[in-house]
Amino acid sequence: MVIVAGPKTKKAKGPKSPILAGILNFLLYGIGYLYLGKRKVFGIVLFLGDVAFFAATGYAAIAQISISQTYVNINSIGFVIIGVALGYDAYQLARQPLSSV
């Protein structure tokens, strides 16, 4: 007996929330893209980079390796700027009609 499966069809889901996509991308870089199902590889790379940075920073804190306060302040400002840009990009991406992406 041979069972042949038909082509997989994806159910059309409703539009994703632009605000949620923006917030997700701001908080955890790349997760907003994964939520939208767009720019998946870029989203995964961003998320892994974010995890690697926080793992390294956490290791430095646990190992009591000195991290200068100036570096932390500048780095924090940079992460906020990147987070805002990624959040805005995911928000705009979610607002686009499905046919134009």
N, C-alpha and C. Protein backbone atom coordinates (compact mmCIF):
# COMPACT_ATOMS: atom_id res chain seq x y z
N MET A 1 0.83 -1.17 0.00
CA MET A 1 0.00 0.00 0.00
C MET A 1 0.88 1.25 0.00
N VAL A 2 0.67 2.14 -0.92
CA VAL A 2 1.45 3.36 -1.04
C VAL A 2 0.54 4.55 -0.72
N ILE A 3 1.01 5.36 0.19
CA ILE A 3 0.26 6.58 0.53
C ILE A 3 1.02 7.76 -0.05
N VAL A 4 0.36 8.51 -0.86
CA VAL A 4 0.99 9.67 -1.49
C VAL A 4 0.40 10.92 -0.84
N ALA A 5 1.26 11.72 -0.32
CA ALA A 5 0.81 12.96 0.30
C ALA A 5 0.73 14.05 -0.76
N GLY A 6 -0.29 14.83 -0.67
CA GLY A 6 -0.45 15.96 -1.60
C GLY A 6 0.48 17.09 -1.21
N PRO A 7 0.51 18.11 -2.04
CA PRO A 7 1.37 19.25 -1.73
C PRO A 7 0.91 19.93 -0.44
N LYS A 8 1.89 20.35 0.33
CA LYS A 8 1.56 21.03 1.58
C LYS A 8 1.05 22.44 1.25
N THR A 9 -0.02 22.76 1.85
CA THR A 9 -0.54 24.12 1.66
C THR A 9 -0.52 24.83 2.99
N LYS A 10 -0.10 26.05 2.95
CA LYS A 10 -0.07 26.85 4.16
C LYS A 10 -1.37 27.64 4.24
N LYS A 11 -1.92 27.65 5.43
CA LYS A 11 -3.11 28.44 5.63
C LYS A 11 -2.73 29.92 5.62
N ALA A 12 -3.54 30.70 4.97
CA ALA A 12 -3.29 32.13 4.96
C ALA A 12 -3.61 32.68 6.34
N LYS A 13 -2.62 33.20 6.98
CA LYS A 13 -2.81 33.78 8.31
C LYS A 13 -3.11 35.26 8.14
N GLY A 14 -3.74 35.79 9.12
CA GLY A 14 -4.05 37.20 9.09
C GLY A 14 -2.79 38.04 9.14
N PRO A 15 -2.93 39.32 8.92
CA PRO A 15 -1.74 40.19 8.95
C PRO A 15 -1.12 40.21 10.34
N LYS A 16 0.18 40.31 10.35
CA LYS A 16 0.92 40.37 11.61
C LYS A 16 0.88 41.79 12.15
N SER A 17 1.01 41.90 13.45
CA SER A 17 0.97 43.20 14.11
C SER A 17 2.28 43.96 13.89
N PRO A 18 2.23 45.12 13.25
CA PRO A 18 3.45 45.91 13.07
C PRO A 18 4.06 46.35 14.40
N ILE A 19 3.22 46.67 15.37
CA ILE A 19 3.74 47.12 16.66
C ILE A 19 4.46 45.98 17.37
N LEU A 20 3.86 44.78 17.36
CA LEU A 20 4.51 43.64 17.99
C LEU A 20 5.82 43.30 17.28
N ALA A 21 5.83 43.35 15.96
CA ALA A 21 7.06 43.08 15.20
C ALA A 21 8.16 44.07 15.58
N GLY A 22 7.78 45.33 15.69
CA GLY A 22 8.76 46.36 16.07
C GLY A 22 9.29 46.16 17.47
N ILE A 23 8.40 45.84 18.41
CA ILE A 23 8.83 45.62 19.79
C ILE A 23 9.72 44.39 19.90
N LEU A 24 9.35 43.31 19.22
CA LEU A 24 10.18 42.10 19.25
C LEU A 24 11.57 42.37 18.69
N ASN A 25 11.63 43.10 17.58
CA ASN A 25 12.93 43.38 16.97
C ASN A 25 13.76 44.33 17.83
N PHE A 26 13.10 45.21 18.56
CA PHE A 26 13.82 46.12 19.45
C PHE A 26 14.40 45.36 20.65
N LEU A 27 13.61 44.47 21.23
CA LEU A 27 14.04 43.76 22.43
C LEU A 27 15.04 42.65 22.14
N LEU A 28 14.77 41.84 21.13
CA LEU A 28 15.65 40.74 20.75
C LEU A 28 15.88 40.83 19.25
N TYR A 29 17.01 41.37 18.88
CA TYR A 29 17.30 41.61 17.47
C TYR A 29 17.01 40.37 16.63
N GLY A 30 16.26 40.56 15.55
CA GLY A 30 15.99 39.49 14.61
C GLY A 30 14.69 38.74 14.87
N ILE A 31 14.18 38.76 16.09
CA ILE A 31 12.98 38.00 16.41
C ILE A 31 11.76 38.59 15.72
N GLY A 32 11.74 39.89 15.52
CA GLY A 32 10.62 40.50 14.79
C GLY A 32 10.54 40.00 13.36
N TYR A 33 11.69 39.79 12.73
CA TYR A 33 11.71 39.25 11.37
C TYR A 33 11.20 37.81 11.35
N LEU A 34 11.60 37.03 12.35
CA LEU A 34 11.13 35.65 12.41
C LEU A 34 9.63 35.60 12.67
N TYR A 35 9.14 36.50 13.50
CA TYR A 35 7.70 36.60 13.77
C TYR A 35 6.94 36.89 12.47
N LEU A 36 7.50 37.77 11.66
CA LEU A 36 6.86 38.13 10.39
C LEU A 36 7.03 37.04 9.33
N GLY A 37 8.03 36.18 9.49
CA GLY A 37 8.31 35.17 8.48
C GLY A 37 9.03 35.76 7.28
N LYS A 38 9.68 36.89 7.47
CA LYS A 38 10.39 37.58 6.39
C LYS A 38 11.83 37.80 6.84
N ARG A 39 12.72 37.83 5.88
CA ARG A 39 14.15 38.04 6.16
C ARG A 39 14.63 37.08 7.25
N LYS A 40 14.27 35.82 7.09
CA LYS A 40 14.53 34.83 8.14
C LYS A 40 16.02 34.63 8.42
N VAL A 41 16.82 34.51 7.38
CA VAL A 41 18.27 34.29 7.58
C VAL A 41 18.87 35.50 8.28
N PHE A 42 18.50 36.69 7.85
CA PHE A 42 18.98 37.92 8.49
C PHE A 42 18.55 37.94 9.96
N GLY A 43 17.32 37.56 10.22
CA GLY A 43 16.81 37.53 11.59
C GLY A 43 17.58 36.56 12.46
N ILE A 44 17.88 35.39 11.92
CA ILE A 44 18.63 34.38 12.68
C ILE A 44 20.04 34.88 12.97
N VAL A 45 20.68 35.48 11.98
CA VAL A 45 22.04 36.00 12.18
C VAL A 45 22.04 37.10 13.24
N LEU A 46 21.09 38.01 13.17
CA LEU A 46 21.00 39.07 14.18
C LEU A 46 20.80 38.49 15.58
N PHE A 47 19.88 37.54 15.68
CA PHE A 47 19.59 36.95 16.98
C PHE A 47 20.82 36.23 17.53
N LEU A 48 21.51 35.45 16.70
CA LEU A 48 22.70 34.73 17.17
C LEU A 48 23.81 35.70 17.58
N GLY A 49 23.94 36.79 16.84
CA GLY A 49 24.92 37.81 17.22
C GLY A 49 24.57 38.43 18.56
N ASP A 50 23.30 38.68 18.79
CA ASP A 50 22.83 39.23 20.06
C ASP A 50 23.12 38.26 21.20
N VAL A 51 22.82 37.00 20.99
CA VAL A 51 23.07 35.98 22.01
C VAL A 51 24.56 35.88 22.30
N ALA A 52 25.38 35.89 21.25
CA ALA A 52 26.84 35.79 21.44
C ALA A 52 27.37 36.97 22.24
N PHE A 53 26.88 38.17 21.93
CA PHE A 53 27.34 39.36 22.67
C PHE A 53 26.98 39.25 24.15
N PHE A 54 25.73 38.91 24.42
CA PHE A 54 25.31 38.83 25.82
C PHE A 54 25.99 37.68 26.55
N ALA A 55 26.27 36.60 25.86
CA ALA A 55 27.01 35.49 26.47
C ALA A 55 28.43 35.94 26.83
N ALA A 56 29.07 36.66 25.93
CA ALA A 56 30.43 37.14 26.19
C ALA A 56 30.44 38.17 27.33
N THR A 57 29.46 39.05 27.34
CA THR A 57 29.38 40.05 28.40
C THR A 57 29.09 39.39 29.74
N GLY A 58 28.19 38.41 29.72
CA GLY A 58 27.89 37.68 30.95
C GLY A 58 29.08 36.91 31.46
N TYR A 59 29.84 36.31 30.54
CA TYR A 59 31.05 35.59 30.93
C TYR A 59 32.05 36.53 31.58
N ALA A 60 32.21 37.72 30.97
CA ALA A 60 33.15 38.70 31.52
C ALA A 60 32.73 39.12 32.92
N ALA A 61 31.43 39.28 33.14
CA ALA A 61 30.95 39.66 34.46
C ALA A 61 31.16 38.55 35.48
N ILE A 62 30.90 37.31 35.07
CA ILE A 62 31.07 36.17 35.99
C ILE A 62 32.54 35.96 36.31
N ALA A 63 33.38 36.09 35.29
CA ALA A 63 34.82 35.89 35.48
C ALA A 63 35.49 37.11 36.09
N GLN A 64 34.70 38.15 36.33
CA GLN A 64 35.18 39.41 36.91
C GLN A 64 36.29 40.03 36.08
N ILE A 65 36.10 39.96 34.76
CA ILE A 65 37.02 40.62 33.85
C ILE A 65 36.58 42.07 33.76
N SER A 66 37.50 42.98 33.87
CA SER A 66 37.18 44.40 33.89
C SER A 66 36.67 44.87 32.52
N ILE A 67 35.51 45.48 32.55
CA ILE A 67 34.96 46.13 31.36
C ILE A 67 34.78 47.59 31.74
N SER A 68 35.45 48.47 31.03
CA SER A 68 35.40 49.87 31.43
C SER A 68 33.99 50.42 31.30
N GLN A 69 33.65 51.36 32.18
CA GLN A 69 32.32 51.95 32.18
C GLN A 69 32.07 52.73 30.90
N THR A 70 33.09 53.36 30.34
CA THR A 70 32.93 54.10 29.09
C THR A 70 32.53 53.16 27.96
N TYR A 71 33.16 51.99 27.89
CA TYR A 71 32.83 51.00 26.87
C TYR A 71 31.37 50.57 27.01
N VAL A 72 30.95 50.32 28.24
CA VAL A 72 29.58 49.88 28.48
C VAL A 72 28.60 50.96 28.06
N ASN A 73 28.86 52.21 28.40
CA ASN A 73 27.95 53.31 28.03
C ASN A 73 27.86 53.48 26.52
N ILE A 74 29.00 53.50 25.84
CA ILE A 74 29.00 53.67 24.39
C ILE A 74 28.33 52.48 23.72
N ASN A 75 28.62 51.29 24.20
CA ASN A 75 28.03 50.09 23.64
C ASN A 75 26.52 50.08 23.85
N SER A 76 26.07 50.51 25.01
CA SER A 76 24.63 50.55 25.30
C SER A 76 23.92 51.52 24.37
N ILE A 77 24.51 52.67 24.13
CA ILE A 77 23.93 53.64 23.22
C ILE A 77 23.85 53.05 21.81
N GLY A 78 24.90 52.37 21.40
CA GLY A 78 24.90 51.73 20.08
C GLY A 78 23.81 50.68 19.95
N PHE A 79 23.61 49.89 20.99
CA PHE A 79 22.57 48.86 20.94
C PHE A 79 21.18 49.47 20.89
N VAL A 80 20.97 50.58 21.58
CA VAL A 80 19.67 51.24 21.53
C VAL A 80 19.42 51.78 20.13
N ILE A 81 20.41 52.40 19.52
CA ILE A 81 20.26 52.94 18.16
C ILE A 81 19.95 51.81 17.18
N ILE A 82 20.70 50.72 17.26
CA ILE A 82 20.46 49.58 16.37
C ILE A 82 19.08 49.00 16.63
N GLY A 83 18.71 48.87 17.90
CA GLY A 83 17.40 48.33 18.24
C GLY A 83 16.26 49.17 17.70
N VAL A 84 16.38 50.48 17.80
CA VAL A 84 15.34 51.37 17.27
C VAL A 84 15.25 51.21 15.75
N ALA A 85 16.40 51.16 15.09
CA ALA A 85 16.40 51.02 13.63
C ALA A 85 15.77 49.69 13.21
N LEU A 86 16.12 48.62 13.89
CA LEU A 86 15.55 47.31 13.55
C LEU A 86 14.06 47.24 13.88
N GLY A 87 13.69 47.84 15.00
CA GLY A 87 12.28 47.88 15.36
C GLY A 87 11.46 48.63 14.33
N TYR A 88 11.98 49.77 13.88
CA TYR A 88 11.28 50.56 12.87
C TYR A 88 11.20 49.80 11.54
N ASP A 89 12.29 49.12 11.18
CA ASP A 89 12.30 48.36 9.93
C ASP A 89 11.26 47.24 9.96
N ALA A 90 11.19 46.50 11.07
CA ALA A 90 10.20 45.43 11.19
C ALA A 90 8.78 45.99 11.18
N TYR A 91 8.60 47.14 11.83
CA TYR A 91 7.28 47.79 11.83
C TYR A 91 6.87 48.14 10.40
N GLN A 92 7.77 48.75 9.64
CA GLN A 92 7.47 49.12 8.26
C GLN A 92 7.25 47.88 7.40
N LEU A 93 8.02 46.85 7.63
CA LEU A 93 7.89 45.61 6.86
C LEU A 93 6.52 44.96 7.11
N ALA A 94 6.06 45.01 8.34
CA ALA A 94 4.76 44.42 8.67
C ALA A 94 3.61 45.24 8.09
N ARG A 95 3.82 46.51 7.86
CA ARG A 95 2.76 47.37 7.33
C ARG A 95 2.59 47.22 5.83
N GLN A 96 3.58 46.65 5.14
CA GLN A 96 3.50 46.48 3.69
C GLN A 96 2.45 45.44 3.35
N PRO A 97 1.73 45.66 2.25
CA PRO A 97 0.78 44.62 1.82
C PRO A 97 1.54 43.34 1.48
N LEU A 98 0.88 42.20 1.68
CA LEU A 98 1.55 40.91 1.46
C LEU A 98 2.05 40.73 0.04
N SER A 99 1.36 41.30 -0.94
CA SER A 99 1.76 41.10 -2.34
C SER A 99 2.99 41.90 -2.73
N SER A 100 3.34 42.96 -1.98
CA SER A 100 4.47 43.80 -2.39
C SER A 100 5.78 43.37 -1.78
N VAL A 101 5.80 42.34 -0.96
CA VAL A 101 7.04 41.92 -0.31
C VAL A 101 7.69 40.82 -1.09
